[in-house]
N, C-alpha and C. Protein backbone atom coordinates (compact mmCIF):
# COMPACT_ATOMS: atom_id res chain seq x y z
N MET A 1 137.73 178.36 123.48
CA MET A 1 136.83 178.48 124.60
C MET A 1 135.39 178.34 124.09
N THR A 2 134.62 177.49 124.73
CA THR A 2 133.23 177.30 124.32
C THR A 2 132.31 178.14 125.19
N GLU A 3 131.29 178.62 124.54
CA GLU A 3 130.29 179.42 125.25
C GLU A 3 129.33 178.46 125.98
N PRO A 4 128.96 178.77 127.22
CA PRO A 4 127.99 177.92 127.90
C PRO A 4 126.61 178.05 127.23
N THR A 5 125.91 176.97 127.19
CA THR A 5 124.56 177.01 126.62
C THR A 5 123.56 176.89 127.76
N THR A 6 122.49 177.59 127.60
CA THR A 6 121.44 177.55 128.61
C THR A 6 120.18 177.01 127.96
N LYS A 7 119.62 176.02 128.57
CA LYS A 7 118.36 175.48 128.06
C LYS A 7 117.27 175.91 129.03
N THR A 8 116.32 176.67 128.53
CA THR A 8 115.24 177.14 129.38
C THR A 8 114.04 176.22 129.23
N ALA A 9 113.40 175.96 130.34
CA ALA A 9 112.19 175.16 130.30
C ALA A 9 111.09 175.97 129.63
N PRO A 10 110.24 175.32 128.85
CA PRO A 10 109.16 176.06 128.21
C PRO A 10 108.19 176.60 129.26
N LEU A 11 107.66 177.76 128.99
CA LEU A 11 106.68 178.33 129.90
C LEU A 11 105.34 177.68 129.63
N GLU A 12 104.81 177.01 130.63
CA GLU A 12 103.57 176.28 130.46
C GLU A 12 102.74 176.36 131.72
N LEU A 13 101.49 176.00 131.58
CA LEU A 13 100.60 175.90 132.74
C LEU A 13 99.77 174.64 132.58
N ARG A 14 99.35 174.13 133.73
CA ARG A 14 98.45 172.98 133.77
C ARG A 14 97.51 173.22 134.94
N LEU A 15 96.22 173.16 134.67
CA LEU A 15 95.25 173.27 135.75
C LEU A 15 94.04 172.42 135.44
N SER A 16 93.34 172.02 136.49
CA SER A 16 92.18 171.14 136.35
C SER A 16 91.03 171.68 137.18
N ARG A 17 89.83 171.35 136.75
CA ARG A 17 88.62 171.73 137.50
C ARG A 17 87.60 170.61 137.35
N HIS A 18 86.96 170.25 138.46
CA HIS A 18 85.83 169.32 138.43
C HIS A 18 84.59 170.12 138.03
N LEU A 19 83.88 169.66 137.01
CA LEU A 19 82.68 170.35 136.53
C LEU A 19 81.47 169.43 136.65
N PRO A 20 80.29 169.99 136.93
CA PRO A 20 79.10 169.20 137.26
C PRO A 20 78.31 168.73 136.03
N ALA A 21 78.97 167.96 135.14
CA ALA A 21 78.29 167.46 133.94
C ALA A 21 79.12 166.33 133.36
N THR A 22 78.56 165.64 132.38
CA THR A 22 79.28 164.54 131.73
C THR A 22 80.38 165.11 130.83
N PRO A 23 81.37 164.29 130.46
CA PRO A 23 82.38 164.77 129.52
C PRO A 23 81.77 165.31 128.22
N GLU A 24 80.72 164.67 127.72
CA GLU A 24 80.07 165.15 126.50
C GLU A 24 79.49 166.55 126.69
N GLU A 25 78.83 166.78 127.83
CA GLU A 25 78.23 168.10 128.09
C GLU A 25 79.30 169.17 128.27
N VAL A 26 80.40 168.83 128.94
CA VAL A 26 81.47 169.81 129.15
C VAL A 26 82.17 170.10 127.82
N PHE A 27 82.46 169.06 127.05
CA PHE A 27 83.09 169.24 125.75
C PHE A 27 82.23 170.15 124.87
N ASP A 28 80.93 169.88 124.84
CA ASP A 28 80.02 170.69 124.02
C ASP A 28 79.94 172.13 124.52
N ALA A 29 79.90 172.33 125.83
CA ALA A 29 79.86 173.70 126.36
C ALA A 29 81.13 174.46 125.98
N TYR A 30 82.25 173.75 125.94
CA TYR A 30 83.53 174.38 125.63
C TYR A 30 83.69 174.66 124.13
N THR A 31 83.03 173.87 123.26
CA THR A 31 83.27 173.99 121.82
C THR A 31 82.11 174.52 121.00
N ASP A 32 80.90 174.55 121.52
CA ASP A 32 79.73 175.00 120.77
C ASP A 32 79.61 176.53 120.82
N ALA A 33 79.53 177.17 119.67
CA ALA A 33 79.54 178.63 119.61
C ALA A 33 78.38 179.25 120.39
N GLU A 34 77.18 178.72 120.25
CA GLU A 34 76.03 179.32 120.95
C GLU A 34 76.16 179.17 122.46
N LYS A 35 76.64 178.02 122.92
CA LYS A 35 76.84 177.81 124.35
C LYS A 35 77.95 178.72 124.87
N GLN A 36 79.00 178.88 124.08
CA GLN A 36 80.09 179.77 124.48
C GLN A 36 79.61 181.21 124.61
N LYS A 37 78.78 181.64 123.68
CA LYS A 37 78.27 183.02 123.74
C LYS A 37 77.52 183.26 125.05
N THR A 38 76.86 182.22 125.56
CA THR A 38 76.14 182.34 126.83
C THR A 38 77.12 182.36 128.00
N TRP A 39 78.02 181.36 128.07
CA TRP A 39 78.89 181.31 129.25
C TRP A 39 79.97 182.37 129.25
N PHE A 40 80.33 182.87 128.08
CA PHE A 40 81.36 183.90 128.02
C PHE A 40 80.99 185.12 128.86
N SER A 41 79.69 185.45 128.91
CA SER A 41 79.27 186.65 129.65
C SER A 41 78.34 186.34 130.82
N ILE A 42 78.25 185.07 131.21
CA ILE A 42 77.28 184.66 132.23
C ILE A 42 77.53 185.32 133.58
N LEU A 43 78.75 185.65 133.91
CA LEU A 43 79.05 186.25 135.21
C LEU A 43 79.28 187.75 135.14
N ASP A 44 79.09 188.35 133.96
CA ASP A 44 79.32 189.79 133.79
C ASP A 44 78.13 190.60 134.31
N GLU A 45 78.45 191.70 134.98
CA GLU A 45 77.40 192.62 135.42
C GLU A 45 76.96 193.50 134.26
N GLU A 46 77.90 193.89 133.44
CA GLU A 46 77.62 194.73 132.27
C GLU A 46 77.80 193.89 131.02
N PRO A 47 76.78 193.81 130.17
CA PRO A 47 76.96 193.03 128.94
C PRO A 47 77.98 193.70 128.03
N GLY A 48 78.82 192.91 127.44
CA GLY A 48 79.80 193.42 126.49
C GLY A 48 79.55 192.80 125.13
N ILE A 49 80.56 192.85 124.31
CA ILE A 49 80.48 192.27 122.97
C ILE A 49 81.08 190.87 123.01
N VAL A 50 80.37 189.90 122.47
CA VAL A 50 80.87 188.54 122.35
C VAL A 50 80.44 188.02 120.98
N ARG A 51 81.42 187.70 120.15
CA ARG A 51 81.14 187.08 118.84
C ARG A 51 82.02 185.84 118.73
N ILE A 52 81.39 184.72 118.42
CA ILE A 52 82.13 183.47 118.33
C ILE A 52 81.64 182.68 117.13
N GLU A 53 82.58 182.16 116.37
CA GLU A 53 82.28 181.25 115.26
C GLU A 53 83.15 180.02 115.44
N VAL A 54 82.56 178.84 115.21
CA VAL A 54 83.31 177.60 115.38
C VAL A 54 83.11 176.69 114.18
N ASP A 55 84.21 176.20 113.64
CA ASP A 55 84.21 175.16 112.61
C ASP A 55 84.96 173.98 113.22
N LEU A 56 84.20 173.14 113.96
CA LEU A 56 84.79 172.08 114.78
C LEU A 56 85.16 170.87 113.93
N ARG A 57 86.33 170.97 113.32
CA ARG A 57 86.91 169.87 112.55
C ARG A 57 88.42 170.09 112.54
N VAL A 58 89.17 169.02 112.38
CA VAL A 58 90.62 169.18 112.31
C VAL A 58 90.93 170.11 111.14
N GLY A 59 91.70 171.15 111.42
CA GLY A 59 92.01 172.17 110.43
C GLY A 59 91.04 173.33 110.47
N GLY A 60 89.88 173.15 111.12
CA GLY A 60 88.90 174.22 111.27
C GLY A 60 89.35 175.18 112.36
N GLN A 61 88.59 176.25 112.51
CA GLN A 61 88.98 177.26 113.49
C GLN A 61 87.80 177.69 114.34
N GLN A 62 88.16 178.17 115.52
CA GLN A 62 87.23 178.89 116.38
C GLN A 62 87.76 180.31 116.47
N VAL A 63 86.92 181.28 116.16
CA VAL A 63 87.30 182.68 116.26
C VAL A 63 86.39 183.32 117.31
N ALA A 64 87.01 183.85 118.36
CA ALA A 64 86.27 184.52 119.43
C ALA A 64 86.74 185.96 119.51
N VAL A 65 85.77 186.87 119.55
CA VAL A 65 86.05 188.30 119.70
C VAL A 65 85.18 188.79 120.85
N TRP A 66 85.81 189.47 121.82
CA TRP A 66 85.04 189.93 122.98
C TRP A 66 85.67 191.17 123.57
N GLY A 67 84.85 191.89 124.30
CA GLY A 67 85.35 193.08 124.99
C GLY A 67 84.22 193.99 125.39
N PRO A 68 84.55 195.07 126.08
CA PRO A 68 83.52 195.98 126.59
C PRO A 68 82.92 196.88 125.50
N SER A 69 83.69 197.10 124.41
CA SER A 69 83.21 197.98 123.34
C SER A 69 83.94 197.63 122.05
N GLU A 70 83.45 198.16 120.92
CA GLU A 70 84.06 197.87 119.62
C GLU A 70 85.52 198.31 119.54
N ASP A 71 85.90 199.33 120.29
CA ASP A 71 87.28 199.80 120.22
C ASP A 71 88.19 199.17 121.28
N ALA A 72 87.70 198.18 121.99
CA ALA A 72 88.50 197.50 123.02
C ALA A 72 88.24 195.99 122.97
N LEU A 73 88.50 195.40 121.80
CA LEU A 73 88.19 193.98 121.60
C LEU A 73 89.43 193.09 121.68
N PHE A 74 89.28 191.98 122.34
CA PHE A 74 90.26 190.91 122.35
C PHE A 74 89.86 189.94 121.25
N ARG A 75 90.83 189.23 120.70
CA ARG A 75 90.55 188.25 119.64
C ARG A 75 91.40 187.01 119.89
N GLU A 76 90.76 185.85 119.72
CA GLU A 76 91.50 184.59 119.78
C GLU A 76 91.05 183.72 118.62
N THR A 77 92.02 183.21 117.88
CA THR A 77 91.74 182.27 116.81
C THR A 77 92.44 180.97 117.17
N GLN A 78 91.64 179.93 117.34
CA GLN A 78 92.19 178.61 117.65
C GLN A 78 92.01 177.73 116.42
N THR A 79 93.09 177.10 116.00
CA THR A 79 93.03 176.13 114.91
C THR A 79 93.02 174.74 115.54
N PHE A 80 92.03 173.93 115.17
CA PHE A 80 91.89 172.60 115.75
C PHE A 80 92.90 171.64 115.12
N LEU A 81 93.78 171.09 115.96
CA LEU A 81 94.80 170.16 115.51
C LEU A 81 94.40 168.72 115.75
N GLU A 82 93.64 168.49 116.83
CA GLU A 82 93.19 167.14 117.18
C GLU A 82 91.85 167.27 117.89
N ILE A 83 90.89 166.43 117.48
CA ILE A 83 89.57 166.41 118.12
C ILE A 83 89.22 164.96 118.41
N ASP A 84 89.07 164.62 119.67
CA ASP A 84 88.65 163.29 120.09
C ASP A 84 87.49 163.49 121.06
N ARG A 85 86.31 163.81 120.50
CA ARG A 85 85.13 164.10 121.31
C ARG A 85 84.71 162.86 122.07
N PRO A 86 84.45 162.91 123.34
CA PRO A 86 84.50 164.04 124.27
C PRO A 86 85.72 163.99 125.19
N HIS A 87 86.82 163.44 124.71
CA HIS A 87 87.96 163.18 125.59
C HIS A 87 89.09 164.21 125.52
N ARG A 88 89.36 164.74 124.30
CA ARG A 88 90.58 165.53 124.14
C ARG A 88 90.41 166.50 122.97
N LEU A 89 90.99 167.70 123.16
CA LEU A 89 90.96 168.73 122.14
C LEU A 89 92.33 169.41 122.14
N VAL A 90 92.95 169.51 120.98
CA VAL A 90 94.26 170.15 120.87
C VAL A 90 94.16 171.27 119.84
N THR A 91 94.64 172.46 120.23
CA THR A 91 94.57 173.62 119.34
C THR A 91 95.86 174.42 119.37
N GLU A 92 96.05 175.18 118.30
CA GLU A 92 97.03 176.25 118.30
C GLU A 92 96.22 177.52 118.45
N SER A 93 96.58 178.34 119.41
CA SER A 93 95.83 179.54 119.72
C SER A 93 96.65 180.79 119.42
N VAL A 94 96.06 181.69 118.65
CA VAL A 94 96.68 182.98 118.39
C VAL A 94 95.75 184.02 119.00
N GLY A 95 96.24 184.72 120.02
CA GLY A 95 95.42 185.71 120.71
C GLY A 95 96.01 187.10 120.55
N SER A 96 95.13 188.10 120.56
CA SER A 96 95.60 189.48 120.49
C SER A 96 94.76 190.36 121.40
N THR A 97 95.41 191.40 121.92
CA THR A 97 94.78 192.35 122.83
C THR A 97 94.36 193.60 122.05
N PRO A 98 93.52 194.43 122.64
CA PRO A 98 93.09 195.65 121.95
C PRO A 98 94.25 196.56 121.53
N ASP A 99 95.38 196.50 122.25
CA ASP A 99 96.51 197.37 121.89
C ASP A 99 97.44 196.74 120.86
N GLY A 100 97.05 195.58 120.32
CA GLY A 100 97.81 194.98 119.23
C GLY A 100 98.85 193.96 119.61
N GLN A 101 99.04 193.68 120.90
CA GLN A 101 99.97 192.63 121.30
C GLN A 101 99.37 191.28 120.95
N SER A 102 100.22 190.31 120.59
CA SER A 102 99.69 188.99 120.27
C SER A 102 100.66 187.92 120.75
N MET A 103 100.14 186.70 120.86
CA MET A 103 100.96 185.55 121.21
C MET A 103 100.31 184.30 120.64
N THR A 104 101.15 183.31 120.41
CA THR A 104 100.68 182.02 119.92
C THR A 104 101.05 180.96 120.94
N THR A 105 100.07 180.15 121.34
CA THR A 105 100.32 179.08 122.29
C THR A 105 99.69 177.79 121.77
N HIS A 106 100.02 176.71 122.43
CA HIS A 106 99.49 175.38 122.11
C HIS A 106 98.67 174.94 123.32
N ILE A 107 97.42 174.52 123.08
CA ILE A 107 96.51 174.17 124.19
C ILE A 107 96.00 172.75 124.00
N THR A 108 96.12 171.95 125.04
CA THR A 108 95.51 170.62 125.08
C THR A 108 94.52 170.61 126.23
N VAL A 109 93.28 170.24 125.93
CA VAL A 109 92.24 170.16 126.96
C VAL A 109 91.73 168.72 126.97
N THR A 110 91.68 168.13 128.18
CA THR A 110 91.13 166.78 128.31
C THR A 110 89.90 166.83 129.20
N PHE A 111 89.01 165.86 128.97
CA PHE A 111 87.74 165.76 129.68
C PHE A 111 87.61 164.32 130.16
N GLN A 112 87.73 164.10 131.49
CA GLN A 112 87.70 162.75 132.04
C GLN A 112 86.56 162.62 133.04
N THR A 113 85.84 161.50 132.96
CA THR A 113 84.81 161.22 133.95
C THR A 113 85.45 161.26 135.33
N ASP A 114 84.77 161.96 136.26
CA ASP A 114 85.30 162.15 137.60
C ASP A 114 84.13 162.11 138.57
N GLY A 115 83.84 160.92 139.08
CA GLY A 115 82.71 160.78 140.00
C GLY A 115 81.41 161.17 139.32
N ASP A 116 80.74 162.19 139.87
CA ASP A 116 79.46 162.62 139.33
C ASP A 116 79.61 163.73 138.29
N GLY A 117 80.83 163.93 137.79
CA GLY A 117 81.05 165.00 136.82
C GLY A 117 82.23 164.72 135.93
N THR A 118 82.93 165.78 135.58
CA THR A 118 84.05 165.69 134.64
C THR A 118 85.23 166.49 135.18
N LEU A 119 86.41 165.91 135.06
CA LEU A 119 87.63 166.63 135.36
C LEU A 119 88.14 167.20 134.03
N MET A 120 88.09 168.52 133.91
CA MET A 120 88.59 169.21 132.72
C MET A 120 89.99 169.71 133.04
N THR A 121 90.96 169.29 132.24
CA THR A 121 92.35 169.67 132.47
C THR A 121 92.87 170.44 131.27
N VAL A 122 93.50 171.57 131.54
CA VAL A 122 94.07 172.43 130.50
C VAL A 122 95.58 172.41 130.63
N HIS A 123 96.27 172.17 129.51
CA HIS A 123 97.72 172.25 129.47
C HIS A 123 98.05 173.21 128.32
N GLN A 124 98.66 174.34 128.65
CA GLN A 124 98.95 175.37 127.65
C GLN A 124 100.45 175.67 127.69
N THR A 125 101.08 175.70 126.51
CA THR A 125 102.51 175.95 126.40
C THR A 125 102.78 177.08 125.41
N GLY A 126 103.97 177.66 125.54
CA GLY A 126 104.40 178.66 124.57
C GLY A 126 104.26 180.10 125.01
N PHE A 127 104.06 180.33 126.28
CA PHE A 127 103.93 181.70 126.77
C PHE A 127 105.23 182.46 126.57
N PRO A 128 105.15 183.73 126.17
CA PRO A 128 106.37 184.50 125.94
C PRO A 128 107.05 185.00 127.22
N ALA A 129 106.34 185.02 128.35
CA ALA A 129 106.92 185.52 129.59
C ALA A 129 106.19 184.91 130.79
N PRO A 130 106.89 184.74 131.91
CA PRO A 130 106.27 184.14 133.10
C PRO A 130 105.05 184.91 133.59
N GLU A 131 105.07 186.24 133.53
CA GLU A 131 103.93 187.00 134.04
C GLU A 131 102.68 186.79 133.19
N ILE A 132 102.84 186.54 131.91
CA ILE A 132 101.68 186.25 131.05
C ILE A 132 101.14 184.86 131.39
N ARG A 133 102.04 183.89 131.54
CA ARG A 133 101.61 182.55 131.97
C ARG A 133 100.87 182.62 133.30
N ASP A 134 101.42 183.38 134.24
CA ASP A 134 100.81 183.48 135.56
C ASP A 134 99.42 184.13 135.49
N PHE A 135 99.26 185.13 134.62
CA PHE A 135 97.95 185.74 134.43
C PHE A 135 96.95 184.71 133.90
N PHE A 136 97.36 183.92 132.92
CA PHE A 136 96.47 182.90 132.38
C PHE A 136 96.14 181.83 133.42
N ALA A 137 97.13 181.46 134.24
CA ALA A 137 96.92 180.44 135.27
C ALA A 137 96.02 180.92 136.40
N SER A 138 96.14 182.20 136.78
CA SER A 138 95.41 182.68 137.95
C SER A 138 94.14 183.46 137.61
N LYS A 139 94.04 183.98 136.39
CA LYS A 139 92.88 184.81 136.04
C LYS A 139 92.11 184.28 134.82
N ALA A 140 92.78 184.21 133.67
CA ALA A 140 92.08 183.90 132.41
C ALA A 140 91.41 182.52 132.44
N TRP A 141 92.19 181.48 132.74
CA TRP A 141 91.58 180.15 132.76
C TRP A 141 90.65 179.95 133.95
N VAL A 142 91.01 180.50 135.11
CA VAL A 142 90.12 180.38 136.28
C VAL A 142 88.78 181.04 135.95
N GLY A 143 88.81 182.22 135.34
CA GLY A 143 87.57 182.89 134.95
C GLY A 143 86.77 182.09 133.94
N ALA A 144 87.44 181.52 132.95
CA ALA A 144 86.73 180.71 131.95
C ALA A 144 86.10 179.49 132.60
N LEU A 145 86.84 178.82 133.47
CA LEU A 145 86.29 177.63 134.12
C LEU A 145 85.15 177.99 135.08
N ASP A 146 85.25 179.13 135.76
CA ASP A 146 84.15 179.60 136.60
C ASP A 146 82.89 179.80 135.75
N ARG A 147 83.06 180.38 134.57
CA ARG A 147 81.92 180.66 133.68
C ARG A 147 81.32 179.38 133.12
N ILE A 148 82.18 178.44 132.74
CA ILE A 148 81.67 177.15 132.24
C ILE A 148 80.91 176.43 133.35
N ASP A 149 81.46 176.45 134.55
CA ASP A 149 80.80 175.83 135.69
C ASP A 149 79.41 176.47 135.91
N ALA A 150 79.35 177.80 135.91
CA ALA A 150 78.06 178.50 136.10
C ALA A 150 77.10 178.15 134.97
N TYR A 151 77.59 178.08 133.75
CA TYR A 151 76.74 177.71 132.61
C TYR A 151 76.17 176.31 132.80
N LEU A 152 77.03 175.35 133.15
CA LEU A 152 76.57 173.96 133.31
C LEU A 152 75.57 173.84 134.45
N ARG A 153 75.74 174.62 135.52
CA ARG A 153 74.81 174.57 136.64
C ARG A 153 73.46 175.17 136.31
N THR A 154 73.41 176.10 135.36
CA THR A 154 72.15 176.77 135.03
C THR A 154 71.55 176.37 133.69
N HIS A 155 72.39 175.86 132.76
CA HIS A 155 71.90 175.56 131.43
C HIS A 155 72.13 174.11 130.99
N GLY A 156 72.90 173.35 131.76
CA GLY A 156 73.24 172.00 131.36
C GLY A 156 72.05 171.07 131.43
N ASN A 157 72.23 169.88 130.84
CA ASN A 157 71.16 168.87 130.83
C ASN A 157 70.76 168.45 132.23
N ARG A 158 71.75 168.46 133.14
CA ARG A 158 71.47 168.08 134.52
C ARG A 158 71.65 169.31 135.41
N ALA A 159 71.08 170.42 134.98
CA ALA A 159 71.28 171.69 135.68
C ALA A 159 70.93 171.55 137.16
N VAL A 160 71.82 172.09 138.00
CA VAL A 160 71.61 172.08 139.44
C VAL A 160 70.60 173.17 139.78
N ARG A 161 69.54 172.83 140.44
CA ARG A 161 68.49 173.80 140.74
C ARG A 161 68.35 173.98 142.23
């Protein structure tokens, strides 16, 4: 008697947002440490801790640490696997929460000219559970894209005034 095998689809998300800047400006806002430090907290009422270092080269890493206080910090280390500025960025992401939980995912971000701006598309795979994927799809990435959008509207080369 053979045991039935079950093949589960990988847990992934894909979402896109139109942003008011060129692909180069959006790519730079997403990858430049100083710009990230600005947009990371641009919509916060209370300033928190944001530390970001970026070594933007294949094999290099981006390390982001953020949170409301030193004893409640989130950490994400992304290793750059592919960089095609300003079109595509592929990373392996290792994230951890203040309580010590961690996960590793694979992220592909593309930047395509879209009318008067850029269509930024995120494809992330490797989530350990559907509820974590759903949180990233409905909160984490939406919040990040909202912040990048606000940054580009107020700090970008073609800032909307």
